[in-house]
Amino acid sequence: MSRTLPIKPLTQAAFAPFGQVIEADPARMKFINGGNTERFHALAEADISGEGARVIINIFRGQPRPFPYTLTMMERHPYGSQSFSPLNGRAYLVVVSEDDEGRPGEPQVFLAHGDQGVNYRRNVWHHPLMTIGEVSDFLVVDRDGPGNNLEEFFFDQPYSISEPSL
């Protein structure tokens, strides 16, 4: 039997324990290029560790998840942060969890709008990319280099996520 998780709106404050929300925050805007461009400065910070590691930029193409979705696992990256910024302007789900003695605690589900990205802090439990409705592309900044930068955890009892209301 699975436990249904509520879906909450993605906000800076609610997501702060897990990382940063990447969005055009007017408080972080300054004009550059002779006043022709608005720069929303330092919205997130890539964090990597390990000898020979480097920050890389990727495009991930996510297939839509079926709903209700059965959440059976979480993952984390001990050597680097990981950011996801949607390229198609479509909403998606963000699932994160606090660490509970080396394993994920109860997951939290956030609905991210198509103009919001997320940057998971290093070692934060999260679910892999969860697109809604259509194939969607994301600009992903993460770590490349030696060492195993992936830890997975599979729940004994799964959780359920209902189809989000867009």
N, C-alpha and C. Protein backbone atom coordinates (compact mmCIF):
# COMPACT_ATOMS: atom_id res chain seq x y z
N MET A 1 0.85 -1.18 0.00
CA MET A 1 0.00 0.00 0.00
C MET A 1 0.89 1.24 0.00
N SER A 2 0.60 2.18 -0.88
CA SER A 2 1.42 3.38 -0.97
C SER A 2 0.77 4.54 -0.22
N ARG A 3 1.58 5.51 0.16
CA ARG A 3 1.12 6.70 0.85
C ARG A 3 1.14 7.86 -0.15
N THR A 4 0.03 8.60 -0.25
CA THR A 4 -0.06 9.69 -1.21
C THR A 4 0.59 10.94 -0.64
N LEU A 5 1.44 11.56 -1.45
CA LEU A 5 2.16 12.77 -1.05
C LEU A 5 1.45 14.00 -1.60
N PRO A 6 1.31 15.06 -0.80
CA PRO A 6 0.71 16.31 -1.32
C PRO A 6 1.70 17.02 -2.24
N ILE A 7 1.18 17.78 -3.20
CA ILE A 7 2.01 18.58 -4.10
C ILE A 7 1.89 20.04 -3.66
N LYS A 8 3.05 20.66 -3.36
CA LYS A 8 3.09 22.04 -2.89
C LYS A 8 3.70 22.94 -3.98
N PRO A 9 3.38 24.23 -3.95
CA PRO A 9 4.04 25.13 -4.90
C PRO A 9 5.52 25.27 -4.56
N LEU A 10 6.34 25.43 -5.60
CA LEU A 10 7.78 25.61 -5.40
C LEU A 10 8.06 27.07 -5.09
N THR A 11 8.60 27.31 -3.88
CA THR A 11 8.99 28.66 -3.47
C THR A 11 10.41 28.61 -2.93
N GLN A 12 11.07 29.78 -2.93
CA GLN A 12 12.42 29.87 -2.39
C GLN A 12 12.46 29.38 -0.94
N ALA A 13 11.51 29.83 -0.14
CA ALA A 13 11.52 29.50 1.29
C ALA A 13 11.29 28.01 1.52
N ALA A 14 10.32 27.41 0.83
CA ALA A 14 10.01 26.00 1.04
C ALA A 14 11.15 25.09 0.56
N PHE A 15 11.85 25.51 -0.48
CA PHE A 15 12.89 24.69 -1.07
C PHE A 15 14.28 24.92 -0.45
N ALA A 16 14.43 25.95 0.36
CA ALA A 16 15.73 26.35 0.92
C ALA A 16 16.52 25.21 1.59
N PRO A 17 15.89 24.27 2.31
CA PRO A 17 16.69 23.21 2.93
C PRO A 17 17.37 22.29 1.91
N PHE A 18 16.91 22.31 0.65
CA PHE A 18 17.39 21.37 -0.36
C PHE A 18 18.28 22.02 -1.42
N GLY A 19 18.21 23.35 -1.54
CA GLY A 19 18.99 24.05 -2.56
C GLY A 19 18.36 25.38 -2.89
N GLN A 20 18.53 25.80 -4.15
CA GLN A 20 18.01 27.09 -4.57
C GLN A 20 17.01 26.92 -5.70
N VAL A 21 16.02 27.83 -5.73
CA VAL A 21 15.11 27.93 -6.87
C VAL A 21 15.75 28.93 -7.82
N ILE A 22 15.83 28.56 -9.07
CA ILE A 22 16.44 29.42 -10.09
C ILE A 22 15.31 30.10 -10.86
N GLU A 23 15.11 31.39 -10.60
CA GLU A 23 14.06 32.14 -11.28
C GLU A 23 14.44 33.61 -11.31
N ALA A 24 13.80 34.34 -12.20
CA ALA A 24 14.11 35.76 -12.38
C ALA A 24 13.58 36.56 -11.20
N ASP A 25 14.40 36.70 -10.19
CA ASP A 25 14.05 37.43 -8.97
C ASP A 25 14.41 38.90 -9.17
N PRO A 26 13.41 39.80 -9.19
CA PRO A 26 13.71 41.22 -9.41
C PRO A 26 14.72 41.80 -8.43
N ALA A 27 14.79 41.27 -7.22
CA ALA A 27 15.74 41.78 -6.24
C ALA A 27 17.18 41.47 -6.64
N ARG A 28 17.39 40.52 -7.56
CA ARG A 28 18.74 40.12 -7.96
C ARG A 28 19.06 40.59 -9.38
N MET A 29 18.27 41.54 -9.89
CA MET A 29 18.46 42.01 -11.26
C MET A 29 19.32 43.25 -11.29
N LYS A 30 20.21 43.29 -12.28
CA LYS A 30 20.96 44.51 -12.58
C LYS A 30 21.11 44.59 -14.10
N PHE A 31 21.19 45.80 -14.59
CA PHE A 31 21.34 46.01 -16.03
C PHE A 31 22.80 45.86 -16.42
N ILE A 32 23.02 45.21 -17.58
CA ILE A 32 24.36 45.08 -18.16
C ILE A 32 24.26 45.37 -19.65
N ASN A 33 25.38 45.32 -20.33
CA ASN A 33 25.43 45.55 -21.78
C ASN A 33 24.80 46.87 -22.17
N GLY A 34 25.23 47.93 -21.50
CA GLY A 34 24.73 49.26 -21.82
C GLY A 34 23.25 49.43 -21.53
N GLY A 35 22.71 48.67 -20.60
CA GLY A 35 21.31 48.78 -20.23
C GLY A 35 20.37 47.97 -21.11
N ASN A 36 20.93 47.18 -22.02
CA ASN A 36 20.13 46.40 -22.96
C ASN A 36 19.72 45.03 -22.41
N THR A 37 20.38 44.58 -21.35
CA THR A 37 20.14 43.24 -20.83
C THR A 37 19.93 43.29 -19.32
N GLU A 38 18.93 42.55 -18.86
CA GLU A 38 18.71 42.38 -17.43
C GLU A 38 19.43 41.11 -16.99
N ARG A 39 20.31 41.23 -16.02
CA ARG A 39 21.04 40.08 -15.48
C ARG A 39 20.50 39.77 -14.10
N PHE A 40 20.00 38.55 -13.91
CA PHE A 40 19.55 38.09 -12.61
C PHE A 40 20.73 37.32 -12.02
N HIS A 41 21.45 37.96 -11.13
CA HIS A 41 22.79 37.56 -10.73
C HIS A 41 22.83 36.52 -9.62
N ALA A 42 23.71 35.55 -9.78
CA ALA A 42 24.07 34.57 -8.74
C ALA A 42 22.84 33.91 -8.12
N LEU A 43 22.02 33.29 -8.96
CA LEU A 43 20.79 32.64 -8.48
C LEU A 43 21.06 31.29 -7.83
N ALA A 44 22.16 30.65 -8.19
CA ALA A 44 22.54 29.36 -7.62
C ALA A 44 24.04 29.20 -7.81
N GLU A 45 24.60 28.26 -7.08
CA GLU A 45 26.04 28.03 -7.16
C GLU A 45 26.32 26.55 -7.34
N ALA A 46 27.07 26.22 -8.40
CA ALA A 46 27.51 24.84 -8.59
C ALA A 46 28.54 24.51 -7.53
N ASP A 47 28.41 23.33 -6.92
CA ASP A 47 29.31 22.91 -5.85
C ASP A 47 29.80 21.51 -6.18
N ILE A 48 31.09 21.37 -6.43
CA ILE A 48 31.65 20.05 -6.72
C ILE A 48 32.86 19.81 -5.84
N SER A 49 33.19 18.53 -5.67
CA SER A 49 34.40 18.17 -4.93
C SER A 49 35.03 16.97 -5.60
N GLY A 50 36.28 16.72 -5.27
CA GLY A 50 37.00 15.57 -5.78
C GLY A 50 38.06 15.96 -6.79
N GLU A 51 39.20 15.33 -6.67
CA GLU A 51 40.30 15.61 -7.60
C GLU A 51 39.90 15.23 -9.01
N GLY A 52 40.18 16.10 -9.95
CA GLY A 52 39.85 15.85 -11.35
C GLY A 52 38.41 16.14 -11.72
N ALA A 53 37.61 16.65 -10.79
CA ALA A 53 36.20 16.95 -11.07
C ALA A 53 36.09 18.27 -11.83
N ARG A 54 35.03 18.39 -12.61
CA ARG A 54 34.76 19.62 -13.33
C ARG A 54 33.26 19.83 -13.44
N VAL A 55 32.86 21.09 -13.61
CA VAL A 55 31.46 21.43 -13.80
C VAL A 55 31.16 21.29 -15.29
N ILE A 56 30.06 20.60 -15.61
CA ILE A 56 29.66 20.42 -17.00
C ILE A 56 28.22 20.89 -17.20
N ILE A 57 27.87 21.19 -18.45
CA ILE A 57 26.52 21.62 -18.82
C ILE A 57 25.97 20.59 -19.81
N ASN A 58 24.76 20.12 -19.55
CA ASN A 58 24.12 19.08 -20.35
C ASN A 58 22.71 19.50 -20.74
N ILE A 59 22.13 18.79 -21.68
CA ILE A 59 20.68 18.83 -21.91
C ILE A 59 20.15 17.45 -21.61
N PHE A 60 19.16 17.38 -20.71
CA PHE A 60 18.46 16.13 -20.42
C PHE A 60 17.09 16.23 -21.09
N ARG A 61 16.66 15.20 -21.78
CA ARG A 61 15.34 15.14 -22.40
C ARG A 61 14.51 14.13 -21.61
N GLY A 62 13.55 14.64 -20.82
CA GLY A 62 12.75 13.79 -19.94
C GLY A 62 11.45 13.36 -20.58
N GLN A 63 11.14 12.08 -20.44
CA GLN A 63 9.86 11.54 -20.89
C GLN A 63 8.83 11.79 -19.78
N PRO A 64 7.58 12.09 -20.14
CA PRO A 64 6.57 12.35 -19.10
C PRO A 64 6.30 11.11 -18.26
N ARG A 65 6.06 11.35 -16.99
CA ARG A 65 5.74 10.27 -16.05
C ARG A 65 4.24 9.99 -16.09
N PRO A 66 3.85 8.74 -15.89
CA PRO A 66 2.42 8.42 -15.79
C PRO A 66 1.91 8.74 -14.38
N PHE A 67 0.66 9.18 -14.29
CA PHE A 67 0.05 9.48 -12.99
C PHE A 67 -1.22 8.67 -12.83
N PRO A 68 -1.55 8.22 -11.61
CA PRO A 68 -0.75 8.43 -10.41
C PRO A 68 0.61 7.74 -10.56
N TYR A 69 1.62 8.39 -9.99
CA TYR A 69 2.99 7.89 -10.10
C TYR A 69 3.37 7.19 -8.80
N THR A 70 3.98 6.02 -8.93
CA THR A 70 4.46 5.28 -7.76
C THR A 70 5.93 5.60 -7.55
N LEU A 71 6.22 6.29 -6.47
CA LEU A 71 7.58 6.70 -6.14
C LEU A 71 8.23 5.62 -5.30
N THR A 72 9.24 4.97 -5.85
CA THR A 72 9.87 3.85 -5.16
C THR A 72 11.31 4.13 -4.75
N MET A 73 11.90 5.22 -5.28
CA MET A 73 13.32 5.44 -5.00
C MET A 73 13.66 6.91 -4.96
N MET A 74 14.83 7.20 -4.39
CA MET A 74 15.43 8.53 -4.38
C MET A 74 16.91 8.34 -4.66
N GLU A 75 17.56 9.43 -5.07
CA GLU A 75 18.99 9.40 -5.32
C GLU A 75 19.63 10.65 -4.76
N ARG A 76 20.96 10.61 -4.63
CA ARG A 76 21.70 11.81 -4.25
C ARG A 76 23.10 11.72 -4.85
N HIS A 77 23.75 12.88 -4.91
CA HIS A 77 25.06 12.99 -5.52
C HIS A 77 26.02 13.56 -4.47
N PRO A 78 26.87 12.72 -3.87
CA PRO A 78 27.73 13.16 -2.77
C PRO A 78 28.84 14.13 -3.17
N TYR A 79 29.20 14.19 -4.46
CA TYR A 79 30.33 15.02 -4.87
C TYR A 79 29.95 16.24 -5.69
N GLY A 80 28.66 16.50 -5.86
CA GLY A 80 28.32 17.68 -6.64
C GLY A 80 26.86 18.05 -6.59
N SER A 81 26.62 19.35 -6.67
CA SER A 81 25.26 19.85 -6.81
C SER A 81 24.76 19.51 -8.21
N GLN A 82 23.48 19.68 -8.43
CA GLN A 82 22.90 19.40 -9.74
C GLN A 82 21.73 20.34 -9.96
N SER A 83 21.78 21.11 -11.06
CA SER A 83 20.68 22.04 -11.34
C SER A 83 19.92 21.62 -12.58
N PHE A 84 18.61 21.92 -12.59
CA PHE A 84 17.72 21.63 -13.71
C PHE A 84 16.97 22.91 -14.05
N SER A 85 17.07 23.35 -15.29
CA SER A 85 16.35 24.53 -15.77
C SER A 85 15.58 24.15 -17.02
N PRO A 86 14.25 24.27 -17.00
CA PRO A 86 13.46 23.84 -18.16
C PRO A 86 13.71 24.73 -19.37
N LEU A 87 13.80 24.11 -20.54
CA LEU A 87 14.02 24.84 -21.79
C LEU A 87 12.74 25.01 -22.60
N ASN A 88 11.69 24.23 -22.28
CA ASN A 88 10.45 24.29 -23.05
C ASN A 88 9.34 25.07 -22.36
N GLY A 89 9.61 25.61 -21.17
CA GLY A 89 8.60 26.39 -20.47
C GLY A 89 7.46 25.57 -19.90
N ARG A 90 7.68 24.28 -19.67
CA ARG A 90 6.63 23.41 -19.14
C ARG A 90 6.84 23.16 -17.64
N ALA A 91 5.73 23.02 -16.93
CA ALA A 91 5.78 22.68 -15.51
C ALA A 91 6.34 21.26 -15.34
N TYR A 92 6.89 21.00 -14.16
CA TYR A 92 7.43 19.69 -13.83
C TYR A 92 7.38 19.53 -12.32
N LEU A 93 7.60 18.32 -11.84
CA LEU A 93 7.60 18.07 -10.40
C LEU A 93 9.02 17.93 -9.88
N VAL A 94 9.21 18.40 -8.66
CA VAL A 94 10.47 18.30 -7.95
C VAL A 94 10.18 17.52 -6.67
N VAL A 95 10.87 16.41 -6.47
CA VAL A 95 10.67 15.58 -5.28
C VAL A 95 11.99 15.52 -4.52
N VAL A 96 11.97 15.95 -3.26
CA VAL A 96 13.16 16.00 -2.43
C VAL A 96 12.85 15.43 -1.05
N SER A 97 13.90 15.15 -0.32
CA SER A 97 13.74 14.60 1.02
C SER A 97 14.93 14.99 1.88
N GLU A 98 14.66 15.25 3.13
CA GLU A 98 15.76 15.47 4.08
C GLU A 98 16.41 14.12 4.38
N ASP A 99 17.66 14.17 4.78
CA ASP A 99 18.39 12.97 5.14
C ASP A 99 17.96 12.52 6.54
N ASP A 100 17.71 11.22 6.68
CA ASP A 100 17.32 10.64 7.96
C ASP A 100 18.28 9.49 8.26
N GLU A 101 19.41 9.85 8.86
CA GLU A 101 20.43 8.86 9.24
C GLU A 101 20.91 8.04 8.04
N GLY A 102 21.23 8.75 6.94
CA GLY A 102 21.79 8.09 5.77
C GLY A 102 20.79 7.58 4.75
N ARG A 103 19.54 7.83 5.00
CA ARG A 103 18.49 7.42 4.06
C ARG A 103 17.51 8.57 3.92
N PRO A 104 16.73 8.60 2.84
CA PRO A 104 15.78 9.70 2.70
C PRO A 104 14.63 9.59 3.70
N GLY A 105 14.22 10.74 4.22
CA GLY A 105 13.01 10.80 5.04
C GLY A 105 11.80 10.85 4.12
N GLU A 106 10.67 11.29 4.66
CA GLU A 106 9.46 11.35 3.83
C GLU A 106 9.64 12.40 2.73
N PRO A 107 9.39 12.01 1.48
CA PRO A 107 9.57 12.94 0.37
C PRO A 107 8.59 14.11 0.41
N GLN A 108 9.04 15.24 -0.14
CA GLN A 108 8.20 16.41 -0.35
C GLN A 108 8.12 16.64 -1.86
N VAL A 109 6.94 16.98 -2.35
CA VAL A 109 6.72 17.17 -3.78
C VAL A 109 6.36 18.62 -4.04
N PHE A 110 7.06 19.23 -5.00
CA PHE A 110 6.82 20.63 -5.38
C PHE A 110 6.47 20.70 -6.86
N LEU A 111 5.52 21.56 -7.18
CA LEU A 111 5.19 21.84 -8.57
C LEU A 111 6.00 23.04 -9.01
N ALA A 112 6.90 22.84 -9.97
CA ALA A 112 7.72 23.91 -10.51
C ALA A 112 7.09 24.40 -11.81
N HIS A 113 7.00 25.71 -11.96
CA HIS A 113 6.50 26.30 -13.20
C HIS A 113 7.60 26.26 -14.25
N GLY A 114 7.22 26.44 -15.49
CA GLY A 114 8.16 26.36 -16.59
C GLY A 114 9.22 27.44 -16.62
N ASP A 115 9.10 28.44 -15.73
CA ASP A 115 10.13 29.48 -15.65
C ASP A 115 10.94 29.38 -14.35
N GLN A 116 10.86 28.22 -13.69
CA GLN A 116 11.60 27.99 -12.46
C GLN A 116 12.53 26.80 -12.64
N GLY A 117 13.79 26.98 -12.29
CA GLY A 117 14.72 25.87 -12.22
C GLY A 117 15.03 25.56 -10.77
N VAL A 118 15.73 24.47 -10.54
CA VAL A 118 16.15 24.12 -9.18
C VAL A 118 17.62 23.73 -9.21
N ASN A 119 18.29 24.00 -8.11
CA ASN A 119 19.67 23.56 -7.91
C ASN A 119 19.70 22.75 -6.62
N TYR A 120 19.83 21.43 -6.76
CA TYR A 120 19.93 20.57 -5.58
C TYR A 120 21.32 20.71 -4.99
N ARG A 121 21.38 20.94 -3.70
CA ARG A 121 22.68 20.98 -3.03
C ARG A 121 23.34 19.60 -3.12
N ARG A 122 24.63 19.60 -2.98
CA ARG A 122 25.37 18.34 -2.93
C ARG A 122 24.80 17.47 -1.82
N ASN A 123 24.60 16.19 -2.10
CA ASN A 123 24.17 15.18 -1.14
C ASN A 123 22.71 15.30 -0.71
N VAL A 124 21.88 16.00 -1.47
CA VAL A 124 20.44 16.12 -1.17
C VAL A 124 19.69 15.00 -1.88
N TRP A 125 18.86 14.29 -1.12
CA TRP A 125 18.02 13.23 -1.71
C TRP A 125 16.99 13.88 -2.62
N HIS A 126 16.86 13.34 -3.84
CA HIS A 126 15.86 13.82 -4.79
C HIS A 126 15.49 12.67 -5.73
N HIS A 127 14.35 12.84 -6.36
CA HIS A 127 13.93 11.86 -7.36
C HIS A 127 14.45 12.31 -8.72
N PRO A 128 14.75 11.38 -9.62
CA PRO A 128 15.14 11.78 -10.97
C PRO A 128 14.06 12.64 -11.63
N LEU A 129 14.43 13.30 -12.70
CA LEU A 129 13.61 14.23 -13.45
C LEU A 129 12.17 13.73 -13.62
N MET A 130 11.19 14.60 -13.30
CA MET A 130 9.77 14.23 -13.39
C MET A 130 9.01 15.23 -14.26
N THR A 131 9.00 14.97 -15.56
CA THR A 131 8.27 15.84 -16.48
C THR A 131 6.79 15.47 -16.46
N ILE A 132 5.97 16.43 -16.87
CA ILE A 132 4.51 16.26 -16.85
C ILE A 132 3.98 16.44 -18.28
N GLY A 133 3.22 15.47 -18.76
CA GLY A 133 2.44 15.63 -19.99
C GLY A 133 3.16 15.48 -21.30
N GLU A 134 4.33 16.07 -21.48
CA GLU A 134 5.05 16.04 -22.75
C GLU A 134 6.54 15.85 -22.51
N VAL A 135 7.22 15.38 -23.55
CA VAL A 135 8.67 15.31 -23.50
C VAL A 135 9.19 16.73 -23.27
N SER A 136 10.14 16.89 -22.36
CA SER A 136 10.66 18.21 -22.03
C SER A 136 12.18 18.18 -21.90
N ASP A 137 12.81 19.26 -22.36
CA ASP A 137 14.25 19.41 -22.28
C ASP A 137 14.62 20.31 -21.10
N PHE A 138 15.75 19.98 -20.47
CA PHE A 138 16.27 20.74 -19.34
C PHE A 138 17.76 20.99 -19.53
N LEU A 139 18.18 22.19 -19.22
CA LEU A 139 19.61 22.49 -19.13
C LEU A 139 20.05 22.04 -17.75
N VAL A 140 21.03 21.15 -17.69
CA VAL A 140 21.47 20.57 -16.42
C VAL A 140 22.95 20.89 -16.21
N VAL A 141 23.25 21.46 -15.05
CA VAL A 141 24.63 21.74 -14.66
C VAL A 141 24.96 20.79 -13.52
N ASP A 142 26.00 19.97 -13.73
CA ASP A 142 26.38 19.05 -12.66
C ASP A 142 27.86 18.72 -12.76
N ARG A 143 28.27 17.70 -12.05
CA ARG A 143 29.69 17.33 -11.91
C ARG A 143 30.03 16.17 -12.82
N ASP A 144 31.23 16.24 -13.37
CA ASP A 144 31.81 15.13 -14.11
C ASP A 144 33.18 14.87 -13.51
N GLY A 145 33.57 13.62 -13.43
CA GLY A 145 34.89 13.31 -12.91
C GLY A 145 34.92 11.96 -12.23
N PRO A 146 36.07 11.59 -11.71
CA PRO A 146 36.23 10.28 -11.08
C PRO A 146 35.43 10.17 -9.79
N GLY A 147 35.17 8.95 -9.40
CA GLY A 147 34.44 8.67 -8.16
C GLY A 147 32.98 8.39 -8.45
N ASN A 148 32.34 7.65 -7.56
CA ASN A 148 30.93 7.32 -7.72
C ASN A 148 30.09 8.45 -7.13
N ASN A 149 29.50 9.25 -7.99
CA ASN A 149 28.71 10.42 -7.56
C ASN A 149 27.22 10.13 -7.57
N LEU A 150 26.84 8.88 -7.39
CA LEU A 150 25.42 8.51 -7.36
C LEU A 150 25.18 7.49 -6.26
N GLU A 151 24.24 7.83 -5.39
CA GLU A 151 23.77 6.89 -4.37
C GLU A 151 22.27 6.77 -4.54
N GLU A 152 21.74 5.55 -4.59
CA GLU A 152 20.31 5.33 -4.75
C GLU A 152 19.75 4.64 -3.51
N PHE A 153 18.49 4.95 -3.20
CA PHE A 153 17.80 4.31 -2.09
C PHE A 153 16.42 3.88 -2.58
N PHE A 154 16.03 2.63 -2.29
CA PHE A 154 14.72 2.11 -2.69
C PHE A 154 13.88 1.89 -1.44
N PHE A 155 12.69 2.48 -1.43
CA PHE A 155 11.79 2.40 -0.28
C PHE A 155 11.17 1.01 -0.16
N ASP A 156 11.00 0.54 1.08
CA ASP A 156 10.29 -0.71 1.33
C ASP A 156 8.81 -0.55 1.00
N GLN A 157 8.26 0.61 1.36
CA GLN A 157 6.87 0.93 1.07
C GLN A 157 6.85 2.15 0.16
N PRO A 158 6.30 2.04 -1.06
CA PRO A 158 6.34 3.17 -1.99
C PRO A 158 5.38 4.28 -1.59
N TYR A 159 5.58 5.42 -2.23
CA TYR A 159 4.69 6.57 -2.10
C TYR A 159 3.95 6.74 -3.41
N SER A 160 2.86 7.50 -3.37
CA SER A 160 2.08 7.76 -4.57
C SER A 160 1.97 9.27 -4.77
N ILE A 161 2.06 9.69 -6.04
CA ILE A 161 1.87 11.10 -6.39
C ILE A 161 0.73 11.18 -7.39
N SER A 162 -0.30 11.93 -7.04
CA SER A 162 -1.44 12.10 -7.93
C SER A 162 -1.08 13.05 -9.06
N GLU A 163 -1.87 13.03 -10.12
CA GLU A 163 -1.62 13.93 -11.24
C GLU A 163 -1.77 15.37 -10.77
N PRO A 164 -0.76 16.20 -11.03
CA PRO A 164 -0.83 17.58 -10.56
C PRO A 164 -1.85 18.40 -11.35
N SER A 165 -2.44 19.35 -10.67
CA SER A 165 -3.36 20.30 -11.31
C SER A 165 -2.52 21.45 -11.85
N LEU A 166 -2.56 21.63 -13.14
CA LEU A 166 -1.79 22.72 -13.73
C LEU A 166 -2.73 23.86 -13.93
